[in-house]
Amino acid sequence: MFVSLFKMPDVLLLLLAGLTGLVLSFLVATVFNVGGSSDPSLNRDLNQIIIQFAVQLSNTIFIPIKGIWSILTTLAVNGAPNFKWFIFLNLLSSLVYLMHYYHYEVLSVIDDGWTCAPRSYIK
């Protein structure tokens, strides 16, 4: 239920569970320790889990950003020599967008243009 609500990767969820367990055990070990000193191996494990959690969190955030950047640079490198195709595809995408969202207005403009320009020459 927790994973389906937040859509966290399994590795991140496992590291979060391990971090929570180690933090709680660290608190129990330090609260009930009479001498006031904590276990050095527990501190080392806690630091290691925190570092792993931070690395996995940064990977979860930055891998999609790096992928998008790679796609954009590939498009730029491949589109630079084919500038005419780039302009044509942008115009085509704009027309498709306009026809999808504003089809009543676009079709009325096309109909008016067809009625005024080529249709009058055909008759």
Foldseek 3Di string as FASTA:
>chain_A
DVCVVVVDDPVLVVLVVVLVVLVVVQVVQQVPDPVNDGDVVSVVVNVVSVVVNVVVVCCVPCVVVVVVVVVVVVCVVVCPVVVVVVVVVVVVVVVVVCCVPPVVVVVVVVVVCVVPPPVVVVD
